[in-house]
Amino acid sequence: MKTKTLIELLTLSSNMYLIAKDDDFWKRVSEMTEKGRKTINKVMDEFADEESEENSMLQKLISKAKQAHEELEQKMEEVAVKAYKKMRIAHTDEIKKLETEMELLKKQLALAEARIIIIEQRKS
């Protein structure tokens, strides 16, 4: 094994050991887990009416998930469109710059050709 790989493995194993022994870390993880459970229970309570059955609650949950999925797709599309517009604008600006440079080079080439013709006419 390469030295770099060995050092990375040692670092990784020592970090895992320190995390496993870190009581504060595990307390925070359990607190976050408990908060997650409370949030899920709160959401489930919002969907579940006392008179409704579990199927309707599940249908509401599925419809909310679909709605969230559609909103996520819409946001992703908006971000993609904005990024494409920015790239296209940058690309268009670069094309315009290259076109102006080409026009300048064409003019310089025409001047150089005219000078060459004049020099050749003087020699003959």
N, C-alpha and C. Protein backbone atom coordinates (compact mmCIF):
# COMPACT_ATOMS: atom_id res chain seq x y z
N MET A 1 0.84 -1.19 0.00
CA MET A 1 0.00 0.00 0.00
C MET A 1 0.88 1.24 0.00
N LYS A 2 0.34 2.26 -0.56
CA LYS A 2 1.07 3.51 -0.58
C LYS A 2 1.00 4.16 0.79
N THR A 3 1.97 4.98 1.08
CA THR A 3 2.03 5.66 2.37
C THR A 3 0.82 6.56 2.56
N LYS A 4 0.42 7.24 1.49
CA LYS A 4 -0.72 8.15 1.57
C LYS A 4 -1.98 7.38 1.96
N THR A 5 -2.19 6.21 1.38
CA THR A 5 -3.36 5.41 1.69
C THR A 5 -3.33 4.94 3.13
N LEU A 6 -2.17 4.53 3.61
CA LEU A 6 -2.05 4.10 5.00
C LEU A 6 -2.37 5.24 5.96
N ILE A 7 -1.85 6.42 5.64
CA ILE A 7 -2.10 7.58 6.51
C ILE A 7 -3.59 7.92 6.51
N GLU A 8 -4.22 7.85 5.34
CA GLU A 8 -5.65 8.13 5.26
C GLU A 8 -6.45 7.11 6.06
N LEU A 9 -6.09 5.83 5.98
CA LEU A 9 -6.79 4.80 6.75
C LEU A 9 -6.61 5.00 8.25
N LEU A 10 -5.40 5.33 8.67
CA LEU A 10 -5.15 5.58 10.09
C LEU A 10 -5.95 6.79 10.58
N THR A 11 -5.97 7.83 9.78
CA THR A 11 -6.74 9.03 10.14
C THR A 11 -8.22 8.71 10.25
N LEU A 12 -8.73 7.98 9.26
CA LEU A 12 -10.14 7.61 9.27
C LEU A 12 -10.49 6.76 10.49
N SER A 13 -9.66 5.76 10.79
CA SER A 13 -9.95 4.89 11.92
C SER A 13 -9.86 5.65 13.24
N SER A 14 -8.90 6.56 13.36
CA SER A 14 -8.79 7.33 14.61
C SER A 14 -9.98 8.28 14.75
N ASN A 15 -10.42 8.86 13.64
CA ASN A 15 -11.60 9.74 13.70
C ASN A 15 -12.85 8.94 14.08
N MET A 16 -13.00 7.75 13.53
CA MET A 16 -14.15 6.91 13.88
C MET A 16 -14.11 6.52 15.36
N TYR A 17 -12.94 6.24 15.86
CA TYR A 17 -12.79 5.88 17.28
C TYR A 17 -13.18 7.07 18.16
N LEU A 18 -12.70 8.26 17.80
CA LEU A 18 -13.02 9.45 18.59
C LEU A 18 -14.52 9.75 18.57
N ILE A 19 -15.15 9.57 17.41
CA ILE A 19 -16.59 9.80 17.31
C ILE A 19 -17.35 8.79 18.17
N ALA A 20 -16.90 7.53 18.12
CA ALA A 20 -17.58 6.49 18.90
C ALA A 20 -17.48 6.77 20.39
N LYS A 21 -16.39 7.36 20.84
CA LYS A 21 -16.19 7.63 22.26
C LYS A 21 -16.75 8.99 22.68
N ASP A 22 -17.19 9.81 21.74
CA ASP A 22 -17.68 11.15 22.04
C ASP A 22 -19.12 11.09 22.53
N ASP A 23 -19.31 11.27 23.83
CA ASP A 23 -20.65 11.22 24.42
C ASP A 23 -21.51 12.40 23.97
N ASP A 24 -20.90 13.58 23.87
CA ASP A 24 -21.67 14.75 23.44
C ASP A 24 -22.23 14.55 22.05
N PHE A 25 -21.44 13.96 21.18
CA PHE A 25 -21.90 13.71 19.81
C PHE A 25 -23.12 12.80 19.83
N TRP A 26 -23.07 11.73 20.60
CA TRP A 26 -24.19 10.79 20.63
C TRP A 26 -25.41 11.40 21.30
N LYS A 27 -25.19 12.28 22.27
CA LYS A 27 -26.32 12.98 22.88
C LYS A 27 -27.00 13.87 21.84
N ARG A 28 -26.18 14.59 21.05
CA ARG A 28 -26.75 15.44 20.01
C ARG A 28 -27.49 14.62 18.96
N VAL A 29 -26.93 13.46 18.62
CA VAL A 29 -27.60 12.59 17.64
C VAL A 29 -28.94 12.12 18.19
N SER A 30 -28.97 11.72 19.46
CA SER A 30 -30.24 11.26 20.04
C SER A 30 -31.23 12.41 20.15
N GLU A 31 -30.77 13.63 20.46
CA GLU A 31 -31.65 14.80 20.51
C GLU A 31 -32.24 15.08 19.13
N MET A 32 -31.40 15.02 18.11
CA MET A 32 -31.87 15.27 16.76
C MET A 32 -32.86 14.19 16.33
N THR A 33 -32.60 12.95 16.71
CA THR A 33 -33.52 11.86 16.39
C THR A 33 -34.86 12.09 17.05
N GLU A 34 -34.84 12.50 18.30
CA GLU A 34 -36.08 12.76 19.02
C GLU A 34 -36.85 13.92 18.39
N LYS A 35 -36.12 14.98 18.00
CA LYS A 35 -36.77 16.10 17.32
C LYS A 35 -37.39 15.64 16.00
N GLY A 36 -36.69 14.78 15.30
CA GLY A 36 -37.22 14.24 14.04
C GLY A 36 -38.49 13.44 14.27
N ARG A 37 -38.49 12.63 15.30
CA ARG A 37 -39.69 11.84 15.63
C ARG A 37 -40.86 12.75 15.97
N LYS A 38 -40.58 13.78 16.77
CA LYS A 38 -41.65 14.71 17.14
C LYS A 38 -42.21 15.42 15.90
N THR A 39 -41.31 15.82 15.01
CA THR A 39 -41.76 16.50 13.78
C THR A 39 -42.61 15.58 12.92
N ILE A 40 -42.18 14.34 12.78
CA ILE A 40 -42.95 13.37 11.99
C ILE A 40 -44.31 13.13 12.63
N ASN A 41 -44.32 12.97 13.93
CA ASN A 41 -45.60 12.76 14.63
C ASN A 41 -46.52 13.97 14.47
N LYS A 42 -45.94 15.16 14.52
CA LYS A 42 -46.72 16.39 14.35
C LYS A 42 -47.34 16.44 12.95
N VAL A 43 -46.54 16.10 11.95
CA VAL A 43 -47.04 16.10 10.57
C VAL A 43 -48.12 15.05 10.42
N MET A 44 -47.90 13.88 10.99
CA MET A 44 -48.90 12.81 10.89
C MET A 44 -50.20 13.23 11.58
N ASP A 45 -50.09 13.94 12.72
CA ASP A 45 -51.29 14.40 13.42
C ASP A 45 -52.05 15.42 12.59
N GLU A 46 -51.34 16.26 11.85
CA GLU A 46 -52.00 17.24 11.00
C GLU A 46 -52.81 16.56 9.91
N PHE A 47 -52.30 15.46 9.40
CA PHE A 47 -52.98 14.77 8.32
C PHE A 47 -54.11 13.87 8.82
N ALA A 48 -53.97 13.41 10.04
CA ALA A 48 -54.96 12.45 10.55
C ALA A 48 -56.06 13.19 11.30
N ASP A 49 -57.25 13.07 10.82
CA ASP A 49 -58.40 13.60 11.53
C ASP A 49 -58.92 12.48 12.42
N GLU A 50 -59.60 12.85 13.47
CA GLU A 50 -60.12 11.84 14.38
C GLU A 50 -61.15 10.95 13.71
N GLU A 51 -61.92 11.50 12.77
CA GLU A 51 -62.97 10.73 12.13
C GLU A 51 -62.48 9.98 10.89
N SER A 52 -61.35 10.37 10.32
CA SER A 52 -60.90 9.76 9.07
C SER A 52 -60.13 8.48 9.33
N GLU A 53 -60.03 7.69 8.30
CA GLU A 53 -59.33 6.42 8.41
C GLU A 53 -57.87 6.60 8.02
N GLU A 54 -57.09 5.55 8.25
CA GLU A 54 -55.68 5.60 7.91
C GLU A 54 -55.47 5.73 6.41
N ASN A 55 -56.36 5.16 5.61
CA ASN A 55 -56.22 5.24 4.16
C ASN A 55 -56.29 6.67 3.67
N SER A 56 -57.23 7.45 4.21
CA SER A 56 -57.33 8.84 3.77
C SER A 56 -56.10 9.62 4.21
N MET A 57 -55.58 9.29 5.40
CA MET A 57 -54.36 9.95 5.86
C MET A 57 -53.20 9.61 4.93
N LEU A 58 -53.13 8.35 4.55
CA LEU A 58 -52.08 7.92 3.63
C LEU A 58 -52.24 8.59 2.28
N GLN A 59 -53.48 8.73 1.81
CA GLN A 59 -53.73 9.42 0.54
C GLN A 59 -53.33 10.88 0.62
N LYS A 60 -53.62 11.52 1.75
CA LYS A 60 -53.20 12.91 1.94
C LYS A 60 -51.68 13.02 1.94
N LEU A 61 -51.05 12.08 2.62
CA LEU A 61 -49.59 12.08 2.67
C LEU A 61 -48.99 11.88 1.28
N ILE A 62 -49.58 10.98 0.52
CA ILE A 62 -49.10 10.73 -0.84
C ILE A 62 -49.31 11.97 -1.72
N SER A 63 -50.47 12.60 -1.58
CA SER A 63 -50.73 13.80 -2.38
C SER A 63 -49.77 14.93 -2.01
N LYS A 64 -49.46 15.07 -0.72
CA LYS A 64 -48.50 16.08 -0.29
C LYS A 64 -47.10 15.76 -0.83
N ALA A 65 -46.74 14.49 -0.84
CA ALA A 65 -45.44 14.09 -1.38
C ALA A 65 -45.37 14.39 -2.87
N LYS A 66 -46.45 14.13 -3.61
CA LYS A 66 -46.49 14.45 -5.03
C LYS A 66 -46.37 15.94 -5.26
N GLN A 67 -47.08 16.70 -4.42
CA GLN A 67 -47.02 18.15 -4.54
C GLN A 67 -45.60 18.66 -4.27
N ALA A 68 -44.95 18.12 -3.25
CA ALA A 68 -43.58 18.51 -2.95
C ALA A 68 -42.65 18.13 -4.09
N HIS A 69 -42.89 16.96 -4.68
CA HIS A 69 -42.08 16.50 -5.82
C HIS A 69 -42.23 17.46 -7.01
N GLU A 70 -43.47 17.85 -7.29
CA GLU A 70 -43.72 18.78 -8.40
C GLU A 70 -43.06 20.13 -8.14
N GLU A 71 -43.16 20.62 -6.90
CA GLU A 71 -42.53 21.89 -6.56
C GLU A 71 -41.02 21.81 -6.70
N LEU A 72 -40.45 20.68 -6.28
CA LEU A 72 -39.01 20.48 -6.41
C LEU A 72 -38.59 20.47 -7.88
N GLU A 73 -39.35 19.77 -8.71
CA GLU A 73 -39.06 19.74 -10.15
C GLU A 73 -39.14 21.13 -10.75
N GLN A 74 -40.14 21.89 -10.33
CA GLN A 74 -40.32 23.25 -10.85
C GLN A 74 -39.13 24.12 -10.45
N LYS A 75 -38.70 24.04 -9.21
CA LYS A 75 -37.55 24.82 -8.74
C LYS A 75 -36.29 24.42 -9.50
N MET A 76 -36.11 23.10 -9.69
CA MET A 76 -34.93 22.63 -10.41
C MET A 76 -34.94 23.15 -11.84
N GLU A 77 -36.12 23.16 -12.46
CA GLU A 77 -36.24 23.67 -13.83
C GLU A 77 -35.90 25.16 -13.87
N GLU A 78 -36.40 25.92 -12.90
CA GLU A 78 -36.10 27.35 -12.86
C GLU A 78 -34.60 27.59 -12.71
N VAL A 79 -33.95 26.84 -11.85
CA VAL A 79 -32.51 26.99 -11.66
C VAL A 79 -31.76 26.62 -12.93
N ALA A 80 -32.20 25.54 -13.58
CA ALA A 80 -31.55 25.12 -14.83
C ALA A 80 -31.71 26.18 -15.91
N VAL A 81 -32.91 26.78 -16.00
CA VAL A 81 -33.14 27.82 -17.01
C VAL A 81 -32.26 29.03 -16.73
N LYS A 82 -32.17 29.43 -15.46
CA LYS A 82 -31.32 30.58 -15.12
C LYS A 82 -29.86 30.30 -15.45
N ALA A 83 -29.40 29.10 -15.11
CA ALA A 83 -28.01 28.75 -15.40
C ALA A 83 -27.76 28.72 -16.90
N TYR A 84 -28.71 28.16 -17.66
CA TYR A 84 -28.56 28.11 -19.11
C TYR A 84 -28.51 29.52 -19.69
N LYS A 85 -29.40 30.40 -19.19
CA LYS A 85 -29.40 31.78 -19.69
C LYS A 85 -28.06 32.45 -19.42
N LYS A 86 -27.52 32.25 -18.22
CA LYS A 86 -26.23 32.85 -17.89
C LYS A 86 -25.14 32.30 -18.80
N MET A 87 -25.14 30.99 -19.02
CA MET A 87 -24.13 30.39 -19.89
C MET A 87 -24.29 30.89 -21.32
N ARG A 88 -25.54 30.99 -21.75
CA ARG A 88 -25.81 31.43 -23.13
C ARG A 88 -25.38 32.87 -23.32
N ILE A 89 -25.65 33.72 -22.33
CA ILE A 89 -25.24 35.12 -22.42
C ILE A 89 -23.73 35.21 -22.49
N ALA A 90 -23.05 34.46 -21.64
CA ALA A 90 -21.58 34.47 -21.66
C ALA A 90 -21.09 33.97 -23.01
N HIS A 91 -21.72 32.93 -23.53
CA HIS A 91 -21.32 32.36 -24.81
C HIS A 91 -21.58 33.37 -25.93
N THR A 92 -22.72 34.04 -25.91
CA THR A 92 -23.06 35.03 -26.92
C THR A 92 -22.09 36.20 -26.87
N ASP A 93 -21.75 36.66 -25.68
CA ASP A 93 -20.79 37.75 -25.55
C ASP A 93 -19.43 37.36 -26.12
N GLU A 94 -19.03 36.15 -25.86
CA GLU A 94 -17.75 35.68 -26.38
C GLU A 94 -17.77 35.61 -27.91
N ILE A 95 -18.88 35.16 -28.46
CA ILE A 95 -19.02 35.10 -29.92
C ILE A 95 -18.94 36.49 -30.52
N LYS A 96 -19.62 37.46 -29.92
CA LYS A 96 -19.58 38.85 -30.41
C LYS A 96 -18.15 39.38 -30.36
N LYS A 97 -17.45 39.09 -29.29
CA LYS A 97 -16.06 39.55 -29.15
C LYS A 97 -15.20 38.94 -30.25
N LEU A 98 -15.37 37.65 -30.49
CA LEU A 98 -14.60 36.99 -31.55
C LEU A 98 -14.94 37.55 -32.93
N GLU A 99 -16.21 37.87 -33.16
CA GLU A 99 -16.61 38.45 -34.45
C GLU A 99 -15.96 39.80 -34.67
N THR A 100 -15.90 40.63 -33.63
CA THR A 100 -15.26 41.94 -33.79
C THR A 100 -13.76 41.78 -34.03
N GLU A 101 -13.15 40.82 -33.35
CA GLU A 101 -11.73 40.55 -33.59
C GLU A 101 -11.49 40.08 -35.02
N MET A 102 -12.41 39.22 -35.53
CA MET A 102 -12.28 38.75 -36.91
C MET A 102 -12.39 39.91 -37.90
N GLU A 103 -13.32 40.81 -37.68
CA GLU A 103 -13.47 41.97 -38.56
C GLU A 103 -12.21 42.82 -38.55
N LEU A 104 -11.63 43.03 -37.38
CA LEU A 104 -10.40 43.80 -37.26
C LEU A 104 -9.26 43.12 -38.01
N LEU A 105 -9.17 41.80 -37.86
CA LEU A 105 -8.12 41.06 -38.55
C LEU A 105 -8.31 41.08 -40.06
N LYS A 106 -9.56 41.03 -40.51
CA LYS A 106 -9.83 41.13 -41.95
C LYS A 106 -9.36 42.47 -42.50
N LYS A 107 -9.64 43.54 -41.75
CA LYS A 107 -9.21 44.87 -42.18
C LYS A 107 -7.68 44.95 -42.23
N GLN A 108 -7.04 44.41 -41.22
CA GLN A 108 -5.57 44.43 -41.19
C GLN A 108 -5.00 43.59 -42.33
N LEU A 109 -5.62 42.47 -42.66
CA LEU A 109 -5.19 41.64 -43.76
C LEU A 109 -5.34 42.36 -45.09
N ALA A 110 -6.46 43.06 -45.27
CA ALA A 110 -6.69 43.82 -46.50
C ALA A 110 -5.63 44.91 -46.65
N LEU A 111 -5.31 45.60 -45.55
CA LEU A 111 -4.26 46.62 -45.60
C LEU A 111 -2.90 46.01 -45.94
N ALA A 112 -2.60 44.86 -45.33
CA ALA A 112 -1.32 44.20 -45.61
C ALA A 112 -1.24 43.76 -47.07
N GLU A 113 -2.36 43.22 -47.61
CA GLU A 113 -2.37 42.82 -49.02
C GLU A 113 -2.18 44.03 -49.93
N ALA A 114 -2.81 45.14 -49.59
CA ALA A 114 -2.65 46.36 -50.40
C ALA A 114 -1.20 46.83 -50.36
N ARG A 115 -0.56 46.78 -49.20
CA ARG A 115 0.85 47.18 -49.09
C ARG A 115 1.74 46.26 -49.92
N ILE A 116 1.45 44.96 -49.88
CA ILE A 116 2.25 44.00 -50.66
C ILE A 116 2.10 44.30 -52.15
N ILE A 117 0.90 44.59 -52.59
CA ILE A 117 0.67 44.90 -54.01
C ILE A 117 1.44 46.16 -54.40
N ILE A 118 1.40 47.17 -53.52
CA ILE A 118 2.13 48.42 -53.82
C ILE A 118 3.63 48.16 -53.89
N ILE A 119 4.16 47.37 -52.97
CA ILE A 119 5.59 47.05 -52.96
C ILE A 119 5.97 46.29 -54.22
N GLU A 120 5.15 45.32 -54.62
CA GLU A 120 5.43 44.54 -55.83
C GLU A 120 5.37 45.42 -57.07
N GLN A 121 4.47 46.40 -57.12
CA GLN A 121 4.37 47.28 -58.27
C GLN A 121 5.60 48.19 -58.35
N ARG A 122 6.15 48.62 -57.24
CA ARG A 122 7.33 49.48 -57.23
C ARG A 122 8.57 48.72 -57.72
N LYS A 123 8.64 47.43 -57.36
CA LYS A 123 9.78 46.61 -57.77
C LYS A 123 9.76 46.34 -59.28
N SER A 124 8.60 46.26 -59.87
CA SER A 124 8.57 45.95 -61.30
C SER A 124 8.65 47.12 -62.17
